[in-house]
Amino acid sequence: MFCRKIVLAYDGSEGANKALEKTIELSKWNKDVHVYVLNVNQPKLVAAGDAYMMPAIASVEVQSQLEAEARQTLEQAESRLALHAMCSYESLVDNNPAAAIVSFAETNDCDLIVIGNRGLSGIKKFLLGSVSHDVVQNASIPVLVVKENM
């Protein structure tokens, strides 16, 4: 048996949809696989004069908006994945999505993390960072990075 539990990091992006397709393929190999579809929302930056900062505590309105966006995003994945695997859906709000993904996978005793990659390079990658790169560097289990441009 290849995997019993898979974490699919899903944010609705093109790269995440490619990762979803790959997860569906993997689930066909093992009908008993359980897929945790994980959506990690990072609070939006807010203007503070000439600088931007992450709000320490999101207002009730912002929190509600994040939860609604997460529900909608997870429903997209559910409509495609539920036919192929047992699924659970989780939504988290965290300033560090990569750490949240790794922590969730370890806490739930998962065998594999599947994550999309936007294919950033050069200065964009330096400035924006790469969640998939950080997950690969910090996970203690295998990580399958599915490239967006494949």
N, C-alpha and C. Protein backbone atom coordinates (compact mmCIF):
# COMPACT_ATOMS: atom_id res chain seq x y z
N MET A 1 0.85 -1.17 0.00
CA MET A 1 0.00 0.00 0.00
C MET A 1 0.90 1.24 0.00
N PHE A 2 0.67 2.13 -0.96
CA PHE A 2 1.52 3.30 -1.12
C PHE A 2 1.31 4.32 -0.01
N CYS A 3 0.08 4.77 0.17
CA CYS A 3 -0.23 5.79 1.19
C CYS A 3 -1.56 5.48 1.84
N ARG A 4 -1.61 5.74 3.13
CA ARG A 4 -2.87 5.62 3.86
C ARG A 4 -3.53 6.97 4.02
N LYS A 5 -2.70 7.99 4.28
CA LYS A 5 -3.21 9.35 4.53
C LYS A 5 -2.38 10.36 3.73
N ILE A 6 -3.08 11.19 3.00
CA ILE A 6 -2.44 12.22 2.17
C ILE A 6 -2.98 13.58 2.59
N VAL A 7 -2.10 14.55 2.69
CA VAL A 7 -2.50 15.95 2.87
C VAL A 7 -2.37 16.63 1.52
N LEU A 8 -3.47 17.19 1.05
CA LEU A 8 -3.46 18.00 -0.17
C LEU A 8 -3.57 19.45 0.25
N ALA A 9 -2.52 20.22 0.02
CA ALA A 9 -2.55 21.66 0.30
C ALA A 9 -3.29 22.31 -0.87
N TYR A 10 -4.42 22.94 -0.58
CA TYR A 10 -5.30 23.41 -1.65
C TYR A 10 -5.76 24.84 -1.40
N ASP A 11 -5.47 25.72 -2.38
CA ASP A 11 -5.90 27.11 -2.26
C ASP A 11 -6.73 27.58 -3.45
N GLY A 12 -7.08 26.65 -4.34
CA GLY A 12 -7.89 27.00 -5.50
C GLY A 12 -7.11 27.52 -6.69
N SER A 13 -5.81 27.70 -6.56
CA SER A 13 -4.99 28.21 -7.66
C SER A 13 -4.81 27.14 -8.74
N GLU A 14 -4.25 27.56 -9.86
CA GLU A 14 -3.98 26.60 -10.95
C GLU A 14 -3.03 25.50 -10.48
N GLY A 15 -2.00 25.88 -9.74
CA GLY A 15 -1.06 24.88 -9.21
C GLY A 15 -1.74 23.92 -8.25
N ALA A 16 -2.63 24.43 -7.41
CA ALA A 16 -3.37 23.57 -6.48
C ALA A 16 -4.31 22.63 -7.22
N ASN A 17 -4.89 23.09 -8.32
CA ASN A 17 -5.76 22.23 -9.11
C ASN A 17 -4.97 21.12 -9.79
N LYS A 18 -3.75 21.41 -10.20
CA LYS A 18 -2.87 20.36 -10.75
C LYS A 18 -2.55 19.34 -9.65
N ALA A 19 -2.30 19.83 -8.44
CA ALA A 19 -2.02 18.93 -7.31
C ALA A 19 -3.26 18.10 -6.99
N LEU A 20 -4.44 18.67 -7.10
CA LEU A 20 -5.68 17.94 -6.89
C LEU A 20 -5.82 16.81 -7.91
N GLU A 21 -5.53 17.10 -9.18
CA GLU A 21 -5.59 16.07 -10.22
C GLU A 21 -4.63 14.92 -9.90
N LYS A 22 -3.43 15.25 -9.45
CA LYS A 22 -2.44 14.22 -9.11
C LYS A 22 -2.92 13.41 -7.90
N THR A 23 -3.55 14.06 -6.94
CA THR A 23 -4.08 13.36 -5.77
C THR A 23 -5.19 12.39 -6.17
N ILE A 24 -6.02 12.80 -7.11
CA ILE A 24 -7.06 11.90 -7.62
C ILE A 24 -6.41 10.68 -8.26
N GLU A 25 -5.37 10.89 -9.06
CA GLU A 25 -4.64 9.76 -9.67
C GLU A 25 -4.10 8.82 -8.59
N LEU A 26 -3.48 9.38 -7.57
CA LEU A 26 -2.91 8.56 -6.50
C LEU A 26 -3.99 7.79 -5.74
N SER A 27 -5.14 8.41 -5.56
CA SER A 27 -6.21 7.76 -4.81
C SER A 27 -6.78 6.56 -5.57
N LYS A 28 -6.62 6.54 -6.86
CA LYS A 28 -7.09 5.39 -7.65
C LYS A 28 -6.25 4.14 -7.38
N TRP A 29 -5.02 4.31 -6.90
CA TRP A 29 -4.15 3.18 -6.58
C TRP A 29 -4.55 2.51 -5.28
N ASN A 30 -5.20 3.26 -4.40
CA ASN A 30 -5.58 2.72 -3.10
C ASN A 30 -6.94 3.31 -2.71
N LYS A 31 -7.97 2.49 -2.81
CA LYS A 31 -9.33 2.96 -2.51
C LYS A 31 -9.53 3.28 -1.04
N ASP A 32 -8.62 2.81 -0.16
CA ASP A 32 -8.75 3.07 1.28
C ASP A 32 -8.01 4.33 1.73
N VAL A 33 -7.43 5.06 0.80
CA VAL A 33 -6.67 6.24 1.17
C VAL A 33 -7.62 7.31 1.73
N HIS A 34 -7.12 8.05 2.70
CA HIS A 34 -7.86 9.18 3.27
C HIS A 34 -7.11 10.45 2.89
N VAL A 35 -7.80 11.37 2.26
CA VAL A 35 -7.18 12.63 1.84
C VAL A 35 -7.70 13.76 2.72
N TYR A 36 -6.76 14.46 3.34
CA TYR A 36 -7.08 15.67 4.09
C TYR A 36 -6.83 16.84 3.14
N VAL A 37 -7.88 17.54 2.78
CA VAL A 37 -7.73 18.73 1.94
C VAL A 37 -7.58 19.91 2.89
N LEU A 38 -6.42 20.53 2.83
CA LEU A 38 -6.07 21.58 3.78
C LEU A 38 -5.95 22.92 3.07
N ASN A 39 -6.70 23.88 3.56
CA ASN A 39 -6.62 25.24 3.05
C ASN A 39 -6.07 26.12 4.16
N VAL A 40 -4.95 26.77 3.90
CA VAL A 40 -4.35 27.65 4.90
C VAL A 40 -4.43 29.08 4.37
N ASN A 41 -5.24 29.88 5.03
CA ASN A 41 -5.35 31.29 4.68
C ASN A 41 -4.34 32.09 5.47
N GLN A 42 -3.61 32.92 4.75
CA GLN A 42 -2.66 33.82 5.40
C GLN A 42 -3.35 35.18 5.50
N PRO A 43 -3.42 35.75 6.70
CA PRO A 43 -4.07 37.07 6.82
C PRO A 43 -3.46 38.07 5.86
N LYS A 44 -4.33 38.89 5.29
CA LYS A 44 -3.88 39.92 4.34
C LYS A 44 -3.11 41.01 5.07
N LEU A 45 -2.16 41.60 4.35
CA LEU A 45 -1.42 42.74 4.90
C LEU A 45 -2.34 43.95 4.96
N VAL A 46 -2.16 44.77 5.97
CA VAL A 46 -2.93 46.00 6.08
C VAL A 46 -1.97 47.18 6.08
N ALA A 47 -2.44 48.28 5.51
CA ALA A 47 -1.61 49.47 5.45
C ALA A 47 -1.54 50.12 6.82
N ALA A 48 -0.32 50.54 7.18
CA ALA A 48 -0.09 51.27 8.43
C ALA A 48 0.86 52.42 8.10
N GLY A 49 0.28 53.49 7.59
CA GLY A 49 1.12 54.60 7.14
C GLY A 49 1.83 54.22 5.86
N ASP A 50 3.16 54.30 5.86
CA ASP A 50 3.95 53.95 4.69
C ASP A 50 4.34 52.47 4.68
N ALA A 51 3.98 51.75 5.71
CA ALA A 51 4.37 50.35 5.82
C ALA A 51 3.15 49.45 5.75
N TYR A 52 3.41 48.17 5.62
CA TYR A 52 2.36 47.16 5.65
C TYR A 52 2.65 46.23 6.80
N MET A 53 1.60 45.75 7.45
CA MET A 53 1.81 44.83 8.55
C MET A 53 0.73 43.77 8.57
N MET A 54 1.02 42.68 9.22
CA MET A 54 0.07 41.60 9.39
C MET A 54 -0.73 41.89 10.64
N PRO A 55 -2.05 41.89 10.57
CA PRO A 55 -2.83 42.17 11.77
C PRO A 55 -2.65 41.05 12.79
N ALA A 56 -2.42 41.40 14.03
CA ALA A 56 -2.23 40.39 15.07
C ALA A 56 -3.52 39.62 15.31
N ILE A 57 -4.61 40.32 15.34
CA ILE A 57 -5.91 39.69 15.54
C ILE A 57 -6.84 40.22 14.44
N ALA A 58 -7.34 39.31 13.63
CA ALA A 58 -8.23 39.73 12.56
C ALA A 58 -9.59 40.11 13.15
N SER A 59 -10.19 41.14 12.59
CA SER A 59 -11.51 41.54 13.05
C SER A 59 -12.50 40.42 12.74
N VAL A 60 -13.64 40.47 13.37
CA VAL A 60 -14.68 39.46 13.15
C VAL A 60 -15.08 39.45 11.68
N GLU A 61 -15.17 40.62 11.08
CA GLU A 61 -15.55 40.73 9.67
C GLU A 61 -14.49 40.08 8.77
N VAL A 62 -13.23 40.38 9.01
CA VAL A 62 -12.15 39.79 8.22
C VAL A 62 -12.11 38.28 8.43
N GLN A 63 -12.26 37.84 9.66
CA GLN A 63 -12.26 36.41 9.97
C GLN A 63 -13.40 35.71 9.24
N SER A 64 -14.58 36.31 9.24
CA SER A 64 -15.73 35.73 8.54
C SER A 64 -15.48 35.64 7.04
N GLN A 65 -14.87 36.68 6.49
CA GLN A 65 -14.55 36.68 5.06
C GLN A 65 -13.55 35.57 4.73
N LEU A 66 -12.51 35.42 5.56
CA LEU A 66 -11.53 34.35 5.34
C LEU A 66 -12.19 32.97 5.41
N GLU A 67 -13.08 32.79 6.37
CA GLU A 67 -13.77 31.51 6.51
C GLU A 67 -14.67 31.22 5.31
N ALA A 68 -15.35 32.23 4.81
CA ALA A 68 -16.22 32.06 3.64
C ALA A 68 -15.39 31.70 2.41
N GLU A 69 -14.27 32.39 2.22
CA GLU A 69 -13.38 32.08 1.09
C GLU A 69 -12.85 30.66 1.20
N ALA A 70 -12.49 30.25 2.40
CA ALA A 70 -11.96 28.90 2.61
C ALA A 70 -13.02 27.86 2.31
N ARG A 71 -14.25 28.09 2.78
CA ARG A 71 -15.35 27.14 2.50
C ARG A 71 -15.56 26.98 1.00
N GLN A 72 -15.59 28.11 0.29
CA GLN A 72 -15.80 28.07 -1.15
C GLN A 72 -14.65 27.32 -1.84
N THR A 73 -13.44 27.57 -1.42
CA THR A 73 -12.27 26.90 -2.00
C THR A 73 -12.33 25.40 -1.74
N LEU A 74 -12.66 25.02 -0.52
CA LEU A 74 -12.72 23.60 -0.18
C LEU A 74 -13.87 22.89 -0.91
N GLU A 75 -14.97 23.59 -1.15
CA GLU A 75 -16.09 23.00 -1.89
C GLU A 75 -15.68 22.68 -3.32
N GLN A 76 -14.81 23.50 -3.91
CA GLN A 76 -14.31 23.22 -5.26
C GLN A 76 -13.58 21.88 -5.28
N ALA A 77 -12.71 21.67 -4.30
CA ALA A 77 -11.95 20.43 -4.23
C ALA A 77 -12.87 19.25 -3.92
N GLU A 78 -13.80 19.45 -3.01
CA GLU A 78 -14.70 18.38 -2.60
C GLU A 78 -15.50 17.83 -3.78
N SER A 79 -15.98 18.72 -4.63
CA SER A 79 -16.82 18.29 -5.75
C SER A 79 -16.05 17.37 -6.69
N ARG A 80 -14.75 17.50 -6.76
CA ARG A 80 -13.94 16.67 -7.65
C ARG A 80 -13.34 15.46 -6.96
N LEU A 81 -13.01 15.57 -5.70
CA LEU A 81 -12.26 14.52 -5.01
C LEU A 81 -13.14 13.48 -4.33
N ALA A 82 -14.30 13.87 -3.88
CA ALA A 82 -15.15 12.98 -3.07
C ALA A 82 -15.53 11.70 -3.79
N LEU A 83 -15.56 11.71 -5.10
CA LEU A 83 -15.89 10.50 -5.87
C LEU A 83 -14.77 9.47 -5.85
N HIS A 84 -13.57 9.88 -5.47
CA HIS A 84 -12.39 9.03 -5.59
C HIS A 84 -11.76 8.59 -4.28
N ALA A 85 -12.03 9.30 -3.20
CA ALA A 85 -11.35 9.00 -1.94
C ALA A 85 -12.18 9.46 -0.75
N MET A 86 -11.88 8.86 0.41
CA MET A 86 -12.45 9.39 1.66
C MET A 86 -11.75 10.71 1.93
N CYS A 87 -12.51 11.71 2.31
CA CYS A 87 -11.93 13.04 2.45
C CYS A 87 -12.33 13.71 3.76
N SER A 88 -11.45 14.55 4.24
CA SER A 88 -11.73 15.49 5.32
C SER A 88 -11.26 16.85 4.83
N TYR A 89 -11.93 17.88 5.29
CA TYR A 89 -11.60 19.22 4.85
C TYR A 89 -11.30 20.09 6.05
N GLU A 90 -10.18 20.77 6.00
CA GLU A 90 -9.74 21.62 7.10
C GLU A 90 -9.35 22.98 6.56
N SER A 91 -9.65 23.99 7.33
CA SER A 91 -9.24 25.34 6.99
C SER A 91 -8.55 25.95 8.20
N LEU A 92 -7.40 26.53 7.97
CA LEU A 92 -6.63 27.16 9.03
C LEU A 92 -6.29 28.59 8.63
N VAL A 93 -6.09 29.43 9.60
CA VAL A 93 -5.55 30.77 9.36
C VAL A 93 -4.21 30.82 10.07
N ASP A 94 -3.16 31.09 9.30
CA ASP A 94 -1.82 31.06 9.87
C ASP A 94 -0.93 32.01 9.09
N ASN A 95 -0.05 32.70 9.78
CA ASN A 95 0.90 33.60 9.12
C ASN A 95 1.98 32.84 8.36
N ASN A 96 2.15 31.55 8.66
CA ASN A 96 3.17 30.75 8.00
C ASN A 96 2.51 29.48 7.43
N PRO A 97 1.99 29.56 6.19
CA PRO A 97 1.28 28.42 5.61
C PRO A 97 2.13 27.15 5.55
N ALA A 98 3.40 27.26 5.22
CA ALA A 98 4.25 26.07 5.11
C ALA A 98 4.34 25.35 6.45
N ALA A 99 4.57 26.09 7.52
CA ALA A 99 4.67 25.47 8.84
C ALA A 99 3.34 24.84 9.24
N ALA A 100 2.23 25.49 8.89
CA ALA A 100 0.91 24.94 9.22
C ALA A 100 0.67 23.63 8.47
N ILE A 101 1.07 23.55 7.21
CA ILE A 101 0.91 22.33 6.41
C ILE A 101 1.73 21.19 7.00
N VAL A 102 2.99 21.47 7.31
CA VAL A 102 3.87 20.44 7.88
C VAL A 102 3.35 19.98 9.23
N SER A 103 2.96 20.90 10.07
CA SER A 103 2.44 20.56 11.40
C SER A 103 1.18 19.71 11.29
N PHE A 104 0.28 20.09 10.40
CA PHE A 104 -0.97 19.34 10.22
C PHE A 104 -0.66 17.91 9.77
N ALA A 105 0.25 17.75 8.83
CA ALA A 105 0.60 16.42 8.32
C ALA A 105 1.19 15.55 9.43
N GLU A 106 2.06 16.13 10.23
CA GLU A 106 2.69 15.36 11.31
C GLU A 106 1.67 15.02 12.40
N THR A 107 0.83 15.97 12.77
CA THR A 107 -0.17 15.75 13.81
C THR A 107 -1.15 14.64 13.42
N ASN A 108 -1.47 14.55 12.13
CA ASN A 108 -2.46 13.59 11.65
C ASN A 108 -1.82 12.31 11.10
N ASP A 109 -0.50 12.13 11.35
CA ASP A 109 0.20 10.90 10.97
C ASP A 109 0.05 10.58 9.48
N CYS A 110 0.25 11.59 8.64
CA CYS A 110 0.10 11.42 7.20
C CYS A 110 1.37 10.84 6.58
N ASP A 111 1.19 10.21 5.42
CA ASP A 111 2.29 9.56 4.71
C ASP A 111 2.86 10.42 3.59
N LEU A 112 2.10 11.40 3.12
CA LEU A 112 2.50 12.17 1.95
C LEU A 112 1.81 13.53 1.98
N ILE A 113 2.54 14.55 1.53
CA ILE A 113 1.98 15.88 1.31
C ILE A 113 2.02 16.13 -0.18
N VAL A 114 0.89 16.56 -0.76
CA VAL A 114 0.84 16.93 -2.18
C VAL A 114 0.55 18.42 -2.22
N ILE A 115 1.38 19.14 -2.97
CA ILE A 115 1.26 20.60 -3.01
C ILE A 115 1.60 21.09 -4.41
N GLY A 116 0.92 22.14 -4.84
CA GLY A 116 1.21 22.74 -6.13
C GLY A 116 2.35 23.73 -6.03
N ASN A 117 2.86 24.10 -7.20
CA ASN A 117 3.97 25.04 -7.28
C ASN A 117 3.64 26.05 -8.36
N ARG A 118 3.78 27.33 -8.03
CA ARG A 118 3.46 28.37 -9.01
C ARG A 118 4.56 28.58 -10.03
N GLY A 119 5.71 28.01 -9.80
CA GLY A 119 6.80 28.15 -10.76
C GLY A 119 7.47 29.51 -10.72
N LEU A 120 7.50 30.13 -9.56
CA LEU A 120 8.20 31.41 -9.44
C LEU A 120 9.69 31.20 -9.59
N SER A 121 10.36 32.19 -10.14
CA SER A 121 11.82 32.10 -10.24
C SER A 121 12.40 33.49 -10.05
N GLY A 122 13.69 33.53 -9.86
CA GLY A 122 14.39 34.79 -9.76
C GLY A 122 13.92 35.68 -8.63
N ILE A 123 13.73 36.95 -8.93
CA ILE A 123 13.41 37.94 -7.92
C ILE A 123 12.03 37.71 -7.31
N LYS A 124 11.06 37.22 -8.11
CA LYS A 124 9.72 36.95 -7.56
C LYS A 124 9.80 35.89 -6.46
N LYS A 125 10.59 34.85 -6.71
CA LYS A 125 10.72 33.79 -5.70
C LYS A 125 11.39 34.34 -4.45
N PHE A 126 12.41 35.19 -4.64
CA PHE A 126 13.11 35.78 -3.51
C PHE A 126 12.19 36.67 -2.69
N LEU A 127 11.40 37.50 -3.36
CA LEU A 127 10.53 38.44 -2.66
C LEU A 127 9.30 37.78 -2.07
N LEU A 128 8.70 36.86 -2.80
CA LEU A 128 7.44 36.27 -2.36
C LEU A 128 7.63 34.97 -1.58
N GLY A 129 8.79 34.35 -1.72
CA GLY A 129 9.01 33.08 -1.04
C GLY A 129 8.29 31.96 -1.76
N SER A 130 8.46 30.77 -1.28
CA SER A 130 7.82 29.62 -1.90
C SER A 130 7.32 28.70 -0.80
N VAL A 131 6.02 28.58 -0.68
CA VAL A 131 5.44 27.70 0.32
C VAL A 131 5.87 26.26 0.06
N SER A 132 5.81 25.84 -1.22
CA SER A 132 6.18 24.45 -1.53
C SER A 132 7.64 24.18 -1.17
N HIS A 133 8.53 25.13 -1.42
CA HIS A 133 9.94 24.95 -1.07
C HIS A 133 10.10 24.79 0.44
N ASP A 134 9.42 25.63 1.20
CA ASP A 134 9.52 25.55 2.66
C ASP A 134 8.94 24.24 3.19
N VAL A 135 7.86 23.76 2.57
CA VAL A 135 7.28 22.48 2.99
C VAL A 135 8.29 21.35 2.73
N VAL A 136 8.89 21.34 1.54
CA VAL A 136 9.88 20.30 1.21
C VAL A 136 11.04 20.33 2.21
N GLN A 137 11.50 21.52 2.55
CA GLN A 137 12.65 21.65 3.45
C GLN A 137 12.35 21.23 4.88
N ASN A 138 11.09 21.35 5.31
CA ASN A 138 10.77 21.15 6.72
C ASN A 138 9.95 19.91 7.04
N ALA A 139 9.41 19.25 6.04
CA ALA A 139 8.58 18.07 6.28
C ALA A 139 9.44 16.84 6.58
N SER A 140 8.94 16.01 7.47
CA SER A 140 9.64 14.76 7.80
C SER A 140 9.07 13.59 7.00
N ILE A 141 8.09 13.87 6.14
CA ILE A 141 7.50 12.84 5.29
C ILE A 141 7.69 13.26 3.83
N PRO A 142 7.49 12.35 2.88
CA PRO A 142 7.65 12.72 1.47
C PRO A 142 6.67 13.82 1.05
N VAL A 143 7.15 14.67 0.14
CA VAL A 143 6.34 15.76 -0.40
C VAL A 143 6.36 15.65 -1.93
N LEU A 144 5.20 15.63 -2.53
CA LEU A 144 5.08 15.63 -3.99
C LEU A 144 4.70 17.04 -4.41
N VAL A 145 5.62 17.70 -5.14
CA VAL A 145 5.36 19.05 -5.64
C VAL A 145 4.93 18.93 -7.10
N VAL A 146 3.74 19.39 -7.38
CA VAL A 146 3.20 19.31 -8.73
C VAL A 146 3.33 20.68 -9.37
N LYS A 147 4.09 20.75 -10.45
CA LYS A 147 4.34 22.04 -11.09
C LYS A 147 3.12 22.51 -11.86
N GLU A 148 2.88 23.80 -11.78
CA GLU A 148 1.73 24.40 -12.43
C GLU A 148 1.80 24.30 -13.95
N ASN A 149 2.99 24.42 -14.51
CA ASN A 149 3.15 24.49 -15.95
C ASN A 149 3.35 23.13 -16.61
N MET A 150 2.89 22.06 -15.98
CA MET A 150 3.04 20.74 -16.59
C MET A 150 1.77 20.36 -17.32
